[in-house]
Amino acid sequence: YMWSEKSRSWFRFLWNEFGDSENRRRIE
């Protein structure tokens, strides 16, 4: 929101989600 050329208010939001499903078979 620009109140004037000399004043500005702001609201910022950033949401992130990372899902990692891993199936591993190992023979040692």
All heavy atoms as atom14 arrays in JSON, in Angstrom:
{
  "sequence": "YMWSEKSRSWFRFLWNEFGDSENRRRIE",
  "atom14_mask": [
    [1, 1, 1, 1, 1, 1, 1, 1, 1, 1, 1, 1, 0, 0],
    [1, 1, 1, 1, 1, 1, 1, 1, 0, 0, 0, 0, 0, 0],
    [1, 1, 1, 1, 1, 1, 1, 1, 1, 1, 1, 1, 1, 1],
    [1, 1, 1, 1, 1, 1, 0, 0, 0, 0, 0, 0, 0, 0],
    [1, 1, 1, 1, 1, 1, 1, 1, 1, 0, 0, 0, 0, 0],
    [1, 1, 1, 1, 1, 1, 1, 1, 1, 0, 0, 0, 0, 0],
    [1, 1, 1, 1, 1, 1, 0, 0, 0, 0, 0, 0, 0, 0],
    [1, 1, 1, 1, 1, 1, 1, 1, 1, 1, 1, 0, 0, 0],
    [1, 1, 1, 1, 1, 1, 0, 0, 0, 0, 0, 0, 0, 0],
    [1, 1, 1, 1, 1, 1, 1, 1, 1, 1, 1, 1, 1, 1],
    [1, 1, 1, 1, 1, 1, 1, 1, 1, 1, 1, 0, 0, 0],
    [1, 1, 1, 1, 1, 1, 1, 1, 1, 1, 1, 0, 0, 0],
    [1, 1, 1, 1, 1, 1, 1, 1, 1, 1, 1, 0, 0, 0],
    [1, 1, 1, 1, 1, 1, 1, 1, 0, 0, 0, 0, 0, 0],
    [1, 1, 1, 1, 1, 1, 1, 1, 1, 1, 1, 1, 1, 1],
    [1, 1, 1, 1, 1, 1, 1, 1, 0, 0, 0, 0, 0, 0],
    [1, 1, 1, 1, 1, 1, 1, 1, 1, 0, 0, 0, 0, 0],
    [1, 1, 1, 1, 1, 1, 1, 1, 1, 1, 1, 0, 0, 0],
    [1, 1, 1, 1, 0, 0, 0, 0, 0, 0, 0, 0, 0, 0],
    [1, 1, 1, 1, 1, 1, 1, 1, 0, 0, 0, 0, 0, 0],
    [1, 1, 1, 1, 1, 1, 0, 0, 0, 0, 0, 0, 0, 0],
    [1, 1, 1, 1, 1, 1, 1, 1, 1, 0, 0, 0, 0, 0],
    [1, 1, 1, 1, 1, 1, 1, 1, 0, 0, 0, 0, 0, 0],
    [1, 1, 1, 1, 1, 1, 1, 1, 1, 1, 1, 0, 0, 0],
    [1, 1, 1, 1, 1, 1, 1, 1, 1, 1, 1, 0, 0, 0],
    [1, 1, 1, 1, 1, 1, 1, 1, 1, 1, 1, 0, 0, 0],
    [1, 1, 1, 1, 1, 1, 1, 1, 0, 0, 0, 0, 0, 0],
    [1, 1, 1, 1, 1, 1, 1, 1, 1, 0, 0, 0, 0, 0]
  ],
  "atom14_positions": [
    [[0.85, -1.19, 0.0], [0.0, 0.0, 0.0], [0.89, 1.24, 0.0], [1.7, 1.43, 0.9], [-0.92, 0.03, 1.22], [-1.91, 1.18, 1.19], [-3.08, 1.1, 0.44], [-1.65, 2.35, 1.89], [-3.98, 2.15, 0.39], [-2.54, 3.42, 1.86], [-3.71, 3.31, 1.1], [-4.59, 4.35, 1.06], [0.0, 0.0, 0.0], [0.0, 0.0, 0.0]],
    [[0.75, 2.06, -1.04], [1.52, 3.3, -1.15], [0.71, 4.44, -0.53], [-0.27, 4.92, -1.1], [1.8, 3.6, -2.62], [2.67, 2.56, -3.32], [4.41, 2.66, -2.83], [4.85, 4.27, -3.44], [0.0, 0.0, 0.0], [0.0, 0.0, 0.0], [0.0, 0.0, 0.0], [0.0, 0.0, 0.0], [0.0, 0.0, 0.0], [0.0, 0.0, 0.0]],
    [[1.12, 4.84, 0.68], [0.46, 5.97, 1.32], [0.73, 7.25, 0.54], [-0.13, 8.12, 0.4], [0.95, 6.12, 2.75], [0.68, 4.92, 3.61], [1.5, 3.86, 3.83], [-0.51, 4.65, 4.35], [0.92, 2.94, 4.66], [-0.33, 3.41, 5.02], [-1.71, 5.33, 4.54], [-1.29, 2.84, 5.83], [-2.68, 4.77, 5.36], [-2.47, 3.55, 5.99]],
    [[1.95, 7.36, 0.05], [2.38, 8.5, -0.75], [3.65, 8.08, -1.48], [4.09, 6.94, -1.36], [2.62, 9.74, 0.12], [3.72, 9.52, 0.99], [0.0, 0.0, 0.0], [0.0, 0.0, 0.0], [0.0, 0.0, 0.0], [0.0, 0.0, 0.0], [0.0, 0.0, 0.0], [0.0, 0.0, 0.0], [0.0, 0.0, 0.0], [0.0, 0.0, 0.0]],
    [[4.24, 9.0, -2.19], [5.5, 8.7, -2.86], [6.63, 8.46, -1.86], [7.66, 7.88, -2.2], [5.89, 9.86, -3.79], [5.03, 9.98, -5.03], [5.22, 8.8, -5.97], [6.32, 8.22, -5.98], [4.27, 8.47, -6.7], [0.0, 0.0, 0.0], [0.0, 0.0, 0.0], [0.0, 0.0, 0.0], [0.0, 0.0, 0.0], [0.0, 0.0, 0.0]],
    [[6.41, 8.87, -0.6], [7.46, 8.76, 0.41], [7.17, 7.72, 1.48], [7.94, 7.57, 2.42], [7.68, 10.12, 1.07], [8.11, 11.2, 0.1], [8.35, 12.52, 0.83], [8.78, 13.6, -0.15], [9.05, 14.89, 0.53], [0.0, 0.0, 0.0], [0.0, 0.0, 0.0], [0.0, 0.0, 0.0], [0.0, 0.0, 0.0], [0.0, 0.0, 0.0]],
    [[6.06, 7.01, 1.37], [5.71, 6.05, 2.42], [5.01, 4.85, 1.79], [4.08, 5.01, 0.99], [4.82, 6.7, 3.47], [4.45, 5.77, 4.47], [0.0, 0.0, 0.0], [0.0, 0.0, 0.0], [0.0, 0.0, 0.0], [0.0, 0.0, 0.0], [0.0, 0.0, 0.0], [0.0, 0.0, 0.0], [0.0, 0.0, 0.0], [0.0, 0.0, 0.0]],
    [[5.46, 3.65, 2.18], [4.85, 2.42, 1.69], [4.81, 1.39, 2.79], [5.78, 1.2, 3.52], [5.63, 1.86, 0.5], [5.03, 0.59, -0.07], [5.83, 0.04, -1.23], [7.06, -0.59, -0.78], [7.74, -1.48, -1.51], [7.32, -1.8, -2.72], [8.84, -2.0, -1.05], [0.0, 0.0, 0.0], [0.0, 0.0, 0.0], [0.0, 0.0, 0.0]],
    [[3.68, 0.7, 2.93], [3.54, -0.41, 3.87], [3.41, -1.7, 3.07], [2.87, -1.7, 1.96], [2.31, -0.23, 4.77], [2.43, 0.93, 5.57], [0.0, 0.0, 0.0], [0.0, 0.0, 0.0], [0.0, 0.0, 0.0], [0.0, 0.0, 0.0], [0.0, 0.0, 0.0], [0.0, 0.0, 0.0], [0.0, 0.0, 0.0], [0.0, 0.0, 0.0]],
    [[3.88, -2.81, 3.65], [3.84, -4.08, 2.92], [3.65, -5.26, 3.86], [3.96, -5.2, 5.05], [5.11, -4.29, 2.1], [6.38, -3.9, 2.79], [7.08, -2.74, 2.64], [7.12, -4.67, 3.76], [8.2, -2.73, 3.44], [8.25, -3.9, 4.13], [6.94, -5.91, 4.34], [9.18, -4.35, 5.07], [7.87, -6.37, 5.27], [8.97, -5.58, 5.62]],
    [[3.07, -6.32, 3.28], [2.91, -7.61, 3.96], [3.42, -8.68, 3.01], [3.02, -8.74, 1.84], [1.44, -7.86, 4.29], [1.16, -9.28, 4.73], [1.39, -9.68, 6.05], [0.68, -10.23, 3.83], [1.15, -10.99, 6.44], [0.43, -11.53, 4.22], [0.67, -11.91, 5.54], [0.0, 0.0, 0.0], [0.0, 0.0, 0.0], [0.0, 0.0, 0.0]],
    [[4.32, -9.55, 3.5], [4.92, -10.58, 2.66], [4.83, -11.94, 3.36], [5.08, -12.03, 4.56], [6.38, -10.25, 2.36], [6.58, -8.95, 1.57], [8.01, -8.52, 1.58], [8.21, -7.26, 0.87], [9.24, -6.45, 1.04], [10.19, -6.78, 1.92], [9.35, -5.33, 0.36], [0.0, 0.0, 0.0], [0.0, 0.0, 0.0], [0.0, 0.0, 0.0]],
    [[4.49, -12.94, 2.58], [4.37, -14.29, 3.12], [4.88, -15.29, 2.09], [4.53, -15.22, 0.91], [2.92, -14.61, 3.48], [2.7, -16.01, 3.96], [3.1, -16.4, 5.24], [2.1, -16.96, 3.16], [2.9, -17.7, 5.69], [1.9, -18.26, 3.59], [2.3, -18.63, 4.87], [0.0, 0.0, 0.0], [0.0, 0.0, 0.0], [0.0, 0.0, 0.0]],
    [[5.73, -16.21, 2.54], [6.26, -17.27, 1.67], [6.27, -18.56, 2.46], [6.88, -18.64, 3.53], [7.67, -16.93, 1.18], [8.37, -18.02, 0.35], [7.61, -18.27, -0.94], [9.81, -17.63, 0.06], [0.0, 0.0, 0.0], [0.0, 0.0, 0.0], [0.0, 0.0, 0.0], [0.0, 0.0, 0.0], [0.0, 0.0, 0.0], [0.0, 0.0, 0.0]],
    [[5.58, -19.59, 1.93], [5.48, -20.91, 2.58], [5.98, -21.97, 1.61], [5.61, -21.99, 0.43], [4.04, -21.18, 2.97], [3.79, -22.55, 3.53], [3.92, -22.96, 4.82], [3.35, -23.71, 2.8], [3.6, -24.28, 4.95], [3.25, -24.77, 3.72], [3.04, -23.93, 1.46], [2.85, -26.04, 3.34], [2.65, -25.2, 1.07], [2.55, -26.24, 2.02]],
    [[6.83, -22.88, 2.11], [7.41, -23.93, 1.28], [7.38, -25.25, 2.04], [7.65, -25.28, 3.25], [8.87, -23.61, 0.91], [9.04, -22.24, 0.31], [8.81, -22.03, -0.87], [9.45, -21.28, 1.14], [0.0, 0.0, 0.0], [0.0, 0.0, 0.0], [0.0, 0.0, 0.0], [0.0, 0.0, 0.0], [0.0, 0.0, 0.0], [0.0, 0.0, 0.0]],
    [[7.08, -26.33, 1.32], [7.1, -27.68, 1.91], [7.75, -28.64, 0.92], [7.42, -28.65, -0.27], [5.7, -28.16, 2.26], [5.68, -29.55, 2.9], [4.29, -30.0, 3.28], [3.81, -29.55, 4.33], [3.68, -30.77, 2.51], [0.0, 0.0, 0.0], [0.0, 0.0, 0.0], [0.0, 0.0, 0.0], [0.0, 0.0, 0.0], [0.0, 0.0, 0.0]],
    [[8.66, -29.45, 1.43], [9.4, -30.41, 0.62], [9.22, -31.79, 1.21], [9.54, -32.04, 2.38], [10.88, -30.03, 0.59], [11.76, -31.01, -0.14], [11.75, -31.08, -1.51], [12.61, -31.85, 0.56], [12.56, -31.97, -2.19], [13.42, -32.75, -0.09], [13.4, -32.81, -1.48], [0.0, 0.0, 0.0], [0.0, 0.0, 0.0], [0.0, 0.0, 0.0]],
    [[8.66, -32.72, 0.42], [8.46, -34.09, 0.85], [9.39, -35.03, 0.12], [9.53, -34.95, -1.11], [0.0, 0.0, 0.0], [0.0, 0.0, 0.0], [0.0, 0.0, 0.0], [0.0, 0.0, 0.0], [0.0, 0.0, 0.0], [0.0, 0.0, 0.0], [0.0, 0.0, 0.0], [0.0, 0.0, 0.0], [0.0, 0.0, 0.0], [0.0, 0.0, 0.0]],
    [[10.04, -35.93, 0.85], [11.02, -36.86, 0.27], [10.74, -38.26, 0.81], [11.0, -38.57, 1.97], [12.43, -36.41, 0.63], [13.5, -37.25, -0.06], [13.14, -38.03, -0.96], [14.68, -37.12, 0.3], [0.0, 0.0, 0.0], [0.0, 0.0, 0.0], [0.0, 0.0, 0.0], [0.0, 0.0, 0.0], [0.0, 0.0, 0.0], [0.0, 0.0, 0.0]],
    [[10.15, -39.12, -0.05], [9.86, -40.5, 0.32], [10.92, -41.4, -0.3], [11.07, -41.44, -1.53], [8.47, -40.9, -0.18], [8.2, -42.26, 0.1], [0.0, 0.0, 0.0], [0.0, 0.0, 0.0], [0.0, 0.0, 0.0], [0.0, 0.0, 0.0], [0.0, 0.0, 0.0], [0.0, 0.0, 0.0], [0.0, 0.0, 0.0], [0.0, 0.0, 0.0]],
    [[11.65, -42.11, 0.56], [12.78, -42.91, 0.08], [12.65, -44.36, 0.54], [12.47, -44.64, 1.72], [14.1, -42.33, 0.6], [15.33, -43.12, 0.21], [16.59, -42.52, 0.8], [16.84, -41.31, 0.57], [17.32, -43.23, 1.52], [0.0, 0.0, 0.0], [0.0, 0.0, 0.0], [0.0, 0.0, 0.0], [0.0, 0.0, 0.0], [0.0, 0.0, 0.0]],
    [[12.76, -45.28, -0.42], [12.85, -46.71, -0.14], [14.22, -47.19, -0.62], [14.55, -47.04, -1.81], [11.74, -47.49, -0.86], [10.37, -47.15, -0.31], [10.11, -47.37, 0.86], [9.5, -46.63, -1.15], [0.0, 0.0, 0.0], [0.0, 0.0, 0.0], [0.0, 0.0, 0.0], [0.0, 0.0, 0.0], [0.0, 0.0, 0.0], [0.0, 0.0, 0.0]],
    [[14.97, -47.76, 0.32], [16.33, -48.19, -0.04], [16.53, -49.65, 0.35], [16.2, -50.06, 1.46], [17.38, -47.33, 0.67], [18.81, -47.64, 0.23], [19.8, -46.94, 1.11], [19.85, -47.53, 2.45], [20.6, -47.06, 3.45], [21.32, -45.98, 3.28], [20.59, -47.65, 4.63], [0.0, 0.0, 0.0], [0.0, 0.0, 0.0], [0.0, 0.0, 0.0]],
    [[17.12, -50.42, -0.57], [17.54, -51.79, -0.3], [19.06, -51.83, -0.41], [19.62, -51.4, -1.41], [16.9, -52.76, -1.3], [15.39, -52.87, -1.17], [14.8, -53.73, -2.24], [14.92, -53.1, -3.55], [14.45, -53.64, -4.68], [13.84, -54.81, -4.65], [14.58, -53.01, -5.83], [0.0, 0.0, 0.0], [0.0, 0.0, 0.0], [0.0, 0.0, 0.0]],
    [[19.7, -52.36, 0.64], [21.16, -52.4, 0.65], [21.65, -53.78, 1.07], [21.17, -54.35, 2.06], [21.73, -51.35, 1.62], [23.25, -51.26, 1.59], [23.76, -50.32, 2.66], [23.61, -50.91, 3.99], [24.1, -50.38, 5.11], [24.74, -49.22, 5.05], [23.93, -50.97, 6.27], [0.0, 0.0, 0.0], [0.0, 0.0, 0.0], [0.0, 0.0, 0.0]],
    [[22.61, -54.32, 0.33], [23.3, -55.56, 0.69], [24.77, -55.21, 0.88], [25.42, -54.7, -0.03], [23.14, -56.63, -0.41], [21.67, -56.99, -0.6], [23.94, -57.88, -0.05], [21.43, -57.99, -1.7], [0.0, 0.0, 0.0], [0.0, 0.0, 0.0], [0.0, 0.0, 0.0], [0.0, 0.0, 0.0], [0.0, 0.0, 0.0], [0.0, 0.0, 0.0]],
    [[25.28, -55.47, 2.08], [26.68, -55.14, 2.4], [27.47, -56.43, 2.64], [27.13, -57.23, 3.52], [26.75, -54.24, 3.63], [28.18, -53.84, 3.98], [28.25, -52.91, 5.18], [27.18, -52.63, 5.77], [29.35, -52.47, 5.53], [0.0, 0.0, 0.0], [0.0, 0.0, 0.0], [0.0, 0.0, 0.0], [0.0, 0.0, 0.0], [0.0, 0.0, 0.0]]
  ]
}
